[in-house]
Amino acid sequence: MGSLFESGRLNGGAYVDGWRRVLNAPAIAAGAFVVTLLLALPLGYAMRGMLEAHLGRSTTAAAVADGIDYDWWQEFTSQTSGIGTTFTPAIIGFAATLDNISGVADGQPEIGAITAALAIWLAVWTFLAGGIIDRYARQRRTRAHGFFAAGGVYFFRFLRLAALAGVVYWFLFAYVHQWLFTDWYVDLTRDMDTERRAFAVRLAFYLLFGTLLVLTNLTFDYAKIRIVVEDRRSALGGVIAALRFLARHPRRTAALYAVNALTFLALAGIWALAAPGPGRAGLALALTFAAGQLYILARLLLKLQFVASQTALFQSRLAHASYTAAPAASWPDSPAAETMTPAR
């Protein structure tokens, strides 16, 4: 851990500074939560309609409303399609977190409705990202007009950057993932006589694939930061600049990412212990819903912390802090003020 907190502008300092920037801008966190909720509502409403249509006025409806009926649940998932196929026991408590991680690691494709919602969410987040990074870099209030103006300025630059990122992620999941887990894994484990060795090989491939995802994520994160802080117009130029920054500061960027990742693991551990099971009608159901929303809010805060701490680290290493944190512009005094003499 000692290497994480080096002299000078510490990685630990960037981590703490990131939290300070996030907490000093509560409107961003609140806005991100509201946007996430609004984007999830159409999917929730569609799921509600499917459940209502399947249950109707049957006696099973009362039993399901009061608790879990696994027989009905299996019947519903076997007959449904589209978004209804996501209504599985994996949505309860910590199982949902594990299911999401497993889906990414195994490269499982999303269904159409989820993919469409995810695309909309990414488009909205792409617009908001410019204002978020600009606000965290300036470390002062930019007001709504300043925030959305920054979002508009960087939106199309980030769209071009997202296109580049999409190509890289597509290559990783379409080819690299297949090479590792379909071709190489099968070849290496074909003659193995123990499951332990086969699991070790698969775990090594998971670590390798995860490392590639992290490096890609870091590259495009710092590309966004360099585009905003340095007002770069070229998406490709931002990626190249980000790669240069990562090459010059591999220990600091990796250490900060590791600290943020450990924070996520700590949050996931707390959620694993505290996540409620299926709630029943009434107060228990309300508390279950509230607990889930608190976890989502914590995840959003951590996502913002990633952005803020990486911005703080970049500014500290390339001495951009004083430039982007300049005080808000004010109208200058009239030249006539120079002719005024102070009262005696």
Protein backbone atom coordinates (compact mmCIF):
# COMPACT_ATOMS: atom_id res chain seq x y z
CA MET A 1 0.00 0.00 0.00
CA GLY A 2 2.96 2.31 0.53
CA SER A 3 3.43 2.78 -3.21
CA LEU A 4 -0.11 4.10 -3.48
CA PHE A 5 0.72 7.16 -1.42
CA GLU A 6 3.86 8.62 -2.88
CA SER A 7 5.39 12.00 -2.05
CA GLY A 8 4.20 15.16 -3.77
CA ARG A 9 0.73 15.06 -5.20
CA LEU A 10 -0.25 11.66 -3.80
CA ASN A 11 -2.47 9.09 -5.40
CA GLY A 12 -4.21 9.01 -2.05
CA GLY A 13 -4.56 12.78 -2.41
CA ALA A 14 -6.19 12.40 -5.82
CA TYR A 15 -8.57 9.82 -4.37
CA VAL A 16 -9.55 12.10 -1.47
CA ASP A 17 -9.66 15.12 -3.76
CA GLY A 18 -12.01 13.20 -6.03
CA TRP A 19 -14.44 12.58 -3.19
CA ARG A 20 -14.20 16.24 -2.19
CA ARG A 21 -15.13 17.32 -5.71
CA VAL A 22 -18.04 14.89 -5.84
CA LEU A 23 -19.42 15.96 -2.46
CA ASN A 24 -19.00 19.64 -3.32
CA ALA A 25 -21.27 19.16 -6.33
CA PRO A 26 -24.31 17.31 -4.93
CA ALA A 27 -26.51 18.52 -7.79
CA ILE A 28 -24.54 16.34 -10.22
CA ALA A 29 -25.07 13.22 -8.11
CA ALA A 30 -28.75 14.02 -7.66
CA GLY A 31 -29.18 14.68 -11.36
CA ALA A 32 -27.42 11.43 -12.32
CA PHE A 33 -29.72 9.50 -9.98
CA VAL A 34 -32.85 11.14 -11.39
CA VAL A 35 -31.74 10.50 -14.98
CA THR A 36 -31.04 6.84 -14.18
CA LEU A 37 -34.44 6.49 -12.55
CA LEU A 38 -36.27 8.14 -15.44
CA LEU A 39 -34.54 5.92 -18.00
CA ALA A 40 -35.43 2.82 -15.98
CA LEU A 41 -39.12 3.71 -15.62
CA PRO A 42 -40.20 2.67 -19.16
CA LEU A 43 -38.64 -0.77 -18.69
CA GLY A 44 -40.25 -1.11 -15.29
CA TYR A 45 -43.62 -0.09 -16.69
CA ALA A 46 -43.29 -2.62 -19.53
CA MET A 47 -42.41 -5.36 -17.04
CA ARG A 48 -45.39 -4.40 -14.90
CA GLY A 49 -47.69 -4.76 -17.89
CA MET A 50 -46.35 -8.21 -18.72
CA LEU A 51 -46.76 -9.41 -15.13
CA GLU A 52 -50.24 -7.95 -14.89
CA ALA A 53 -51.28 -9.60 -18.16
CA HIS A 54 -49.94 -12.98 -17.07
CA LEU A 55 -51.44 -12.93 -13.57
CA GLY A 56 -54.76 -11.31 -14.39
CA ARG A 57 -57.30 -11.80 -11.59
CA SER A 58 -56.15 -15.29 -10.69
CA THR A 59 -55.72 -16.52 -7.14
CA THR A 60 -51.99 -16.77 -7.88
CA ALA A 61 -51.86 -12.96 -8.12
CA ALA A 62 -52.64 -12.60 -4.42
CA ALA A 63 -50.00 -15.19 -3.48
CA VAL A 64 -47.36 -13.50 -5.65
CA ALA A 65 -48.21 -10.08 -4.20
CA ASP A 66 -47.72 -11.46 -0.70
CA GLY A 67 -44.41 -13.20 -1.36
CA ILE A 68 -42.48 -15.47 -3.72
CA ASP A 69 -44.18 -18.23 -5.68
CA TYR A 70 -41.38 -20.10 -7.47
CA ASP A 71 -43.77 -22.39 -9.35
CA TRP A 72 -45.48 -19.38 -10.93
CA TRP A 73 -42.09 -17.73 -11.49
CA GLN A 74 -40.82 -20.71 -13.53
CA GLU A 75 -44.06 -20.79 -15.50
CA PHE A 76 -43.78 -17.08 -16.31
CA THR A 77 -40.14 -17.21 -17.46
CA SER A 78 -40.85 -20.25 -19.65
CA GLN A 79 -43.69 -18.47 -21.46
CA THR A 80 -42.40 -14.91 -21.70
CA SER A 81 -40.07 -13.22 -24.17
CA GLY A 82 -38.11 -10.01 -24.55
CA ILE A 83 -37.60 -8.05 -21.36
CA GLY A 84 -39.66 -10.61 -19.47
CA THR A 85 -36.79 -13.09 -19.72
CA THR A 86 -34.77 -10.90 -17.35
CA PHE A 87 -37.32 -11.45 -14.56
CA THR A 88 -35.36 -14.25 -12.88
CA PRO A 89 -34.24 -14.96 -9.29
CA ALA A 90 -30.95 -13.25 -10.24
CA ILE A 91 -32.64 -9.84 -9.84
CA ILE A 92 -32.96 -10.29 -6.06
CA GLY A 93 -30.41 -8.56 -3.82
CA PHE A 94 -26.72 -9.24 -4.35
CA ALA A 95 -27.46 -11.85 -7.02
CA ALA A 96 -28.15 -9.01 -9.45
CA THR A 97 -24.62 -7.64 -8.94
CA LEU A 98 -23.06 -11.05 -9.51
CA ASP A 99 -25.23 -11.61 -12.59
CA ASN A 100 -24.09 -8.30 -14.11
CA ILE A 101 -20.41 -9.07 -13.50
CA SER A 102 -20.82 -12.57 -14.90
CA GLY A 103 -22.55 -11.22 -17.98
CA VAL A 104 -19.65 -8.89 -18.75
CA ALA A 105 -16.96 -11.51 -18.07
CA ASP A 106 -18.68 -14.10 -20.27
CA GLY A 107 -19.61 -11.63 -23.00
CA GLN A 108 -23.32 -12.41 -22.81
CA PRO A 109 -25.36 -10.29 -25.26
CA GLU A 110 -28.26 -8.21 -23.99
CA ILE A 111 -31.79 -8.62 -25.28
CA GLY A 112 -33.21 -6.01 -27.65
CA ALA A 113 -35.16 -3.93 -25.13
CA ILE A 114 -32.22 -3.77 -22.73
CA THR A 115 -29.83 -2.91 -25.56
CA ALA A 116 -32.08 -0.03 -26.68
CA ALA A 117 -32.35 1.31 -23.13
CA LEU A 118 -28.59 0.98 -22.69
CA ALA A 119 -27.98 2.88 -25.94
CA ILE A 120 -30.24 5.72 -24.76
CA TRP A 121 -28.50 5.76 -21.37
CA LEU A 122 -25.08 5.92 -23.05
CA ALA A 123 -26.20 8.77 -25.29
CA VAL A 124 -27.52 10.73 -22.31
CA TRP A 125 -24.40 10.00 -20.28
CA THR A 126 -22.23 11.07 -23.24
CA PHE A 127 -23.97 14.45 -23.18
CA LEU A 128 -23.70 14.79 -19.40
CA ALA A 129 -20.06 13.66 -19.26
CA GLY A 130 -18.73 16.91 -20.71
CA GLY A 131 -20.51 18.99 -18.09
CA ILE A 132 -19.52 16.61 -15.29
CA ILE A 133 -15.81 16.63 -16.13
CA ASP A 134 -15.86 20.38 -16.69
CA ARG A 135 -17.50 20.95 -13.29
CA TYR A 136 -15.08 18.68 -11.45
CA ALA A 137 -12.08 20.22 -13.22
CA ARG A 138 -13.09 23.80 -12.46
CA GLN A 139 -13.92 23.00 -8.81
CA ARG A 140 -16.49 25.76 -8.68
CA ARG A 141 -20.14 26.16 -9.52
CA THR A 142 -20.87 26.46 -13.21
CA ARG A 143 -24.66 26.76 -12.82
CA ALA A 144 -27.10 24.97 -15.08
CA HIS A 145 -26.32 27.05 -18.16
CA GLY A 146 -22.57 26.46 -17.80
CA PHE A 147 -23.05 22.75 -17.18
CA PHE A 148 -25.30 22.15 -20.19
CA ALA A 149 -23.21 24.46 -22.38
CA ALA A 150 -20.16 22.31 -21.65
CA GLY A 151 -22.21 19.19 -22.32
CA GLY A 152 -23.22 20.58 -25.71
CA VAL A 153 -19.68 21.66 -26.62
CA TYR A 154 -18.14 18.25 -25.94
CA PHE A 155 -21.09 16.06 -26.97
CA PHE A 156 -20.05 15.53 -30.60
CA ARG A 157 -16.40 15.16 -29.65
CA PHE A 158 -17.41 12.47 -27.18
CA LEU A 159 -19.61 10.83 -29.81
CA ARG A 160 -16.58 10.44 -32.06
CA LEU A 161 -14.64 9.12 -29.08
CA ALA A 162 -17.51 6.70 -28.31
CA ALA A 163 -17.33 5.42 -31.89
CA LEU A 164 -13.64 4.64 -31.42
CA ALA A 165 -14.34 3.01 -28.07
CA GLY A 166 -17.15 0.97 -29.62
CA VAL A 167 -14.78 -0.42 -32.24
CA VAL A 168 -12.24 -1.40 -29.58
CA TYR A 169 -14.81 -3.01 -27.28
CA TRP A 170 -16.42 -4.79 -30.22
CA PHE A 171 -13.04 -6.25 -31.20
CA LEU A 172 -12.38 -7.36 -27.62
CA PHE A 173 -15.72 -9.11 -27.19
CA ALA A 174 -16.14 -10.40 -30.76
CA TYR A 175 -12.63 -11.72 -31.31
CA VAL A 176 -10.37 -11.61 -28.26
CA HIS A 177 -13.04 -13.13 -26.01
CA GLN A 178 -13.63 -15.91 -28.53
CA TRP A 179 -9.91 -16.58 -28.91
CA LEU A 180 -9.45 -16.86 -25.17
CA PHE A 181 -12.55 -18.76 -24.05
CA THR A 182 -13.57 -20.70 -27.14
CA ASP A 183 -10.39 -21.47 -29.05
CA TRP A 184 -7.43 -21.36 -26.68
CA TYR A 185 -9.30 -22.55 -23.59
CA VAL A 186 -10.65 -25.60 -25.40
CA ASP A 187 -7.23 -26.44 -26.84
CA LEU A 188 -5.44 -26.07 -23.50
CA THR A 189 -7.96 -28.01 -21.42
CA ARG A 190 -8.83 -30.78 -23.87
CA ASP A 191 -6.41 -33.29 -22.29
CA MET A 192 -6.60 -32.08 -18.68
CA ASP A 193 -7.76 -34.69 -16.18
CA THR A 194 -8.70 -32.36 -13.29
CA GLU A 195 -11.26 -29.58 -13.10
CA ARG A 196 -8.96 -27.57 -10.83
CA ARG A 197 -6.38 -27.06 -13.58
CA ALA A 198 -9.07 -26.21 -16.11
CA PHE A 199 -10.53 -23.65 -13.69
CA ALA A 200 -7.07 -22.14 -13.17
CA VAL A 201 -6.68 -21.69 -16.93
CA ARG A 202 -10.12 -20.09 -17.20
CA LEU A 203 -9.36 -17.80 -14.26
CA ALA A 204 -6.09 -16.73 -15.93
CA PHE A 205 -8.02 -15.89 -19.10
CA TYR A 206 -10.57 -13.93 -17.07
CA LEU A 207 -7.71 -11.92 -15.54
CA LEU A 208 -6.14 -11.30 -18.95
CA PHE A 209 -9.43 -10.25 -20.51
CA GLY A 210 -10.24 -8.08 -17.49
CA THR A 211 -6.85 -6.38 -17.77
CA LEU A 212 -7.52 -5.55 -21.42
CA LEU A 213 -10.92 -4.09 -20.47
CA VAL A 214 -9.35 -2.01 -17.69
CA LEU A 215 -6.64 -0.65 -20.01
CA THR A 216 -9.28 0.24 -22.59
CA ASN A 217 -11.45 1.86 -19.94
CA LEU A 218 -8.51 3.88 -18.58
CA THR A 219 -7.50 5.04 -22.05
CA PHE A 220 -10.92 6.40 -22.97
CA ASP A 221 -11.50 7.86 -19.48
CA TYR A 222 -8.33 9.94 -19.70
CA ALA A 223 -9.07 10.77 -23.35
CA LYS A 224 -12.33 12.42 -22.20
CA ILE A 225 -10.47 14.29 -19.47
CA ARG A 226 -7.81 15.57 -21.88
CA ILE A 227 -10.46 16.64 -24.39
CA VAL A 228 -12.25 18.71 -21.74
CA VAL A 229 -9.34 20.08 -19.73
CA GLU A 230 -7.21 20.91 -22.78
CA ASP A 231 -10.16 21.71 -25.08
CA ARG A 232 -9.04 19.16 -27.66
CA ARG A 233 -11.20 18.76 -30.75
CA SER A 234 -9.77 15.52 -32.11
CA ALA A 235 -11.06 12.29 -30.54
CA LEU A 236 -8.11 10.34 -31.94
CA GLY A 237 -5.75 13.01 -30.62
CA GLY A 238 -7.34 12.65 -27.20
CA VAL A 239 -6.79 8.88 -27.27
CA ILE A 240 -3.14 9.28 -28.28
CA ALA A 241 -2.64 11.90 -25.56
CA ALA A 242 -4.29 9.59 -23.01
CA LEU A 243 -1.97 6.74 -24.00
CA ARG A 244 1.01 9.05 -23.54
CA PHE A 245 -0.23 10.04 -20.09
CA LEU A 246 -0.73 6.41 -19.09
CA ALA A 247 2.73 5.49 -20.40
CA ARG A 248 4.34 8.30 -18.40
CA HIS A 249 2.43 7.63 -15.19
CA PRO A 250 1.66 3.90 -15.16
CA ARG A 251 2.07 3.43 -11.40
CA ARG A 252 -0.01 6.43 -10.41
CA THR A 253 -2.89 5.76 -12.81
CA ALA A 254 -2.92 2.04 -11.99
CA ALA A 255 -2.74 2.70 -8.25
CA LEU A 256 -5.62 5.18 -8.36
CA TYR A 257 -7.70 2.75 -10.41
CA ALA A 258 -6.87 0.00 -7.91
CA VAL A 259 -7.97 2.14 -4.95
CA ASN A 260 -11.23 2.99 -6.70
CA ALA A 261 -11.72 -0.69 -7.58
CA LEU A 262 -11.14 -1.68 -3.96
CA THR A 263 -13.78 0.86 -2.96
CA PHE A 264 -16.19 -0.80 -5.35
CA LEU A 265 -15.35 -4.22 -3.91
CA ALA A 266 -15.95 -2.88 -0.40
CA LEU A 267 -19.31 -1.49 -1.50
CA ALA A 268 -20.19 -4.81 -3.15
CA GLY A 269 -19.19 -6.64 0.04
CA ILE A 270 -21.39 -4.41 2.17
CA TRP A 271 -24.27 -4.92 -0.26
CA ALA A 272 -23.72 -8.70 -0.18
CA LEU A 273 -24.14 -8.65 3.59
CA ALA A 274 -26.95 -6.13 3.77
CA ALA A 275 -28.92 -6.85 0.59
CA PRO A 276 -32.48 -7.83 1.53
CA GLY A 277 -34.24 -10.84 0.15
CA PRO A 278 -37.62 -10.70 -1.57
CA GLY A 279 -39.80 -8.38 0.45
CA ARG A 280 -43.42 -8.94 1.26
CA ALA A 281 -46.24 -6.47 0.85
CA GLY A 282 -46.31 -3.39 3.03
CA LEU A 283 -43.45 -1.87 4.97
CA ALA A 284 -41.03 -4.71 4.23
CA LEU A 285 -41.46 -4.21 0.49
CA ALA A 286 -40.95 -0.45 0.85
CA LEU A 287 -37.75 -0.99 2.85
CA THR A 288 -36.48 -3.47 0.26
CA PHE A 289 -37.07 -0.93 -2.51
CA ALA A 290 -35.40 1.85 -0.49
CA ALA A 291 -32.35 -0.33 0.16
CA GLY A 292 -32.01 -1.03 -3.55
CA GLN A 293 -32.21 2.67 -4.40
CA LEU A 294 -29.54 3.50 -1.82
CA TYR A 295 -27.25 0.95 -3.40
CA ILE A 296 -27.85 2.43 -6.86
CA LEU A 297 -27.08 5.90 -5.49
CA ALA A 298 -23.86 4.59 -3.92
CA ARG A 299 -22.87 3.02 -7.25
CA LEU A 300 -23.49 6.33 -9.02
CA LEU A 301 -21.42 8.22 -6.45
CA LEU A 302 -18.59 5.77 -7.00
CA LYS A 303 -18.86 6.18 -10.77
CA LEU A 304 -18.60 9.95 -10.33
CA GLN A 305 -15.68 9.42 -7.96
CA PHE A 306 -13.82 7.56 -10.71
CA VAL A 307 -14.24 10.59 -12.98
CA ALA A 308 -13.40 13.19 -10.34
CA SER A 309 -10.32 11.42 -8.94
CA GLN A 310 -8.89 10.73 -12.40
CA THR A 311 -9.45 14.38 -13.30
CA ALA A 312 -7.68 15.43 -10.10
CA LEU A 313 -4.72 13.15 -10.84
CA PHE A 314 -4.40 14.39 -14.41
CA GLN A 315 -4.54 18.04 -13.37
CA SER A 316 -1.96 17.52 -10.64
CA ARG A 317 0.52 15.78 -12.95
CA LEU A 318 0.30 18.24 -15.86
CA ALA A 319 -0.22 21.44 -13.84
CA HIS A 320 -3.63 22.25 -15.30
CA ALA A 321 -5.32 22.80 -11.94
CA SER A 322 -4.85 26.57 -11.84
CA TYR A 323 -6.03 26.93 -15.44
CA THR A 324 -9.29 25.02 -15.16
CA ALA A 325 -10.04 26.16 -11.62
CA ALA A 326 -9.89 29.83 -12.54
CA PRO A 327 -12.45 32.04 -10.84
CA ALA A 328 -15.69 32.80 -12.61
CA ALA A 329 -15.48 35.64 -15.10
CA SER A 330 -16.83 38.97 -13.89
CA TRP A 331 -17.61 42.18 -15.75
CA PRO A 332 -14.64 44.55 -15.49
CA ASP A 333 -14.90 47.92 -13.84
CA SER A 334 -15.53 50.91 -16.04
CA PRO A 335 -12.35 52.75 -17.16
CA ALA A 336 -13.81 55.75 -15.39
CA ALA A 337 -13.04 54.00 -12.13
CA GLU A 338 -9.34 54.70 -12.69
CA THR A 339 -9.99 58.44 -12.54
CA MET A 340 -11.70 58.23 -9.19
CA THR A 341 -9.63 59.11 -6.18
CA PRO A 342 -10.26 57.42 -2.84
CA ALA A 343 -12.16 59.44 -0.30
CA ARG A 344 -9.98 61.16 2.27
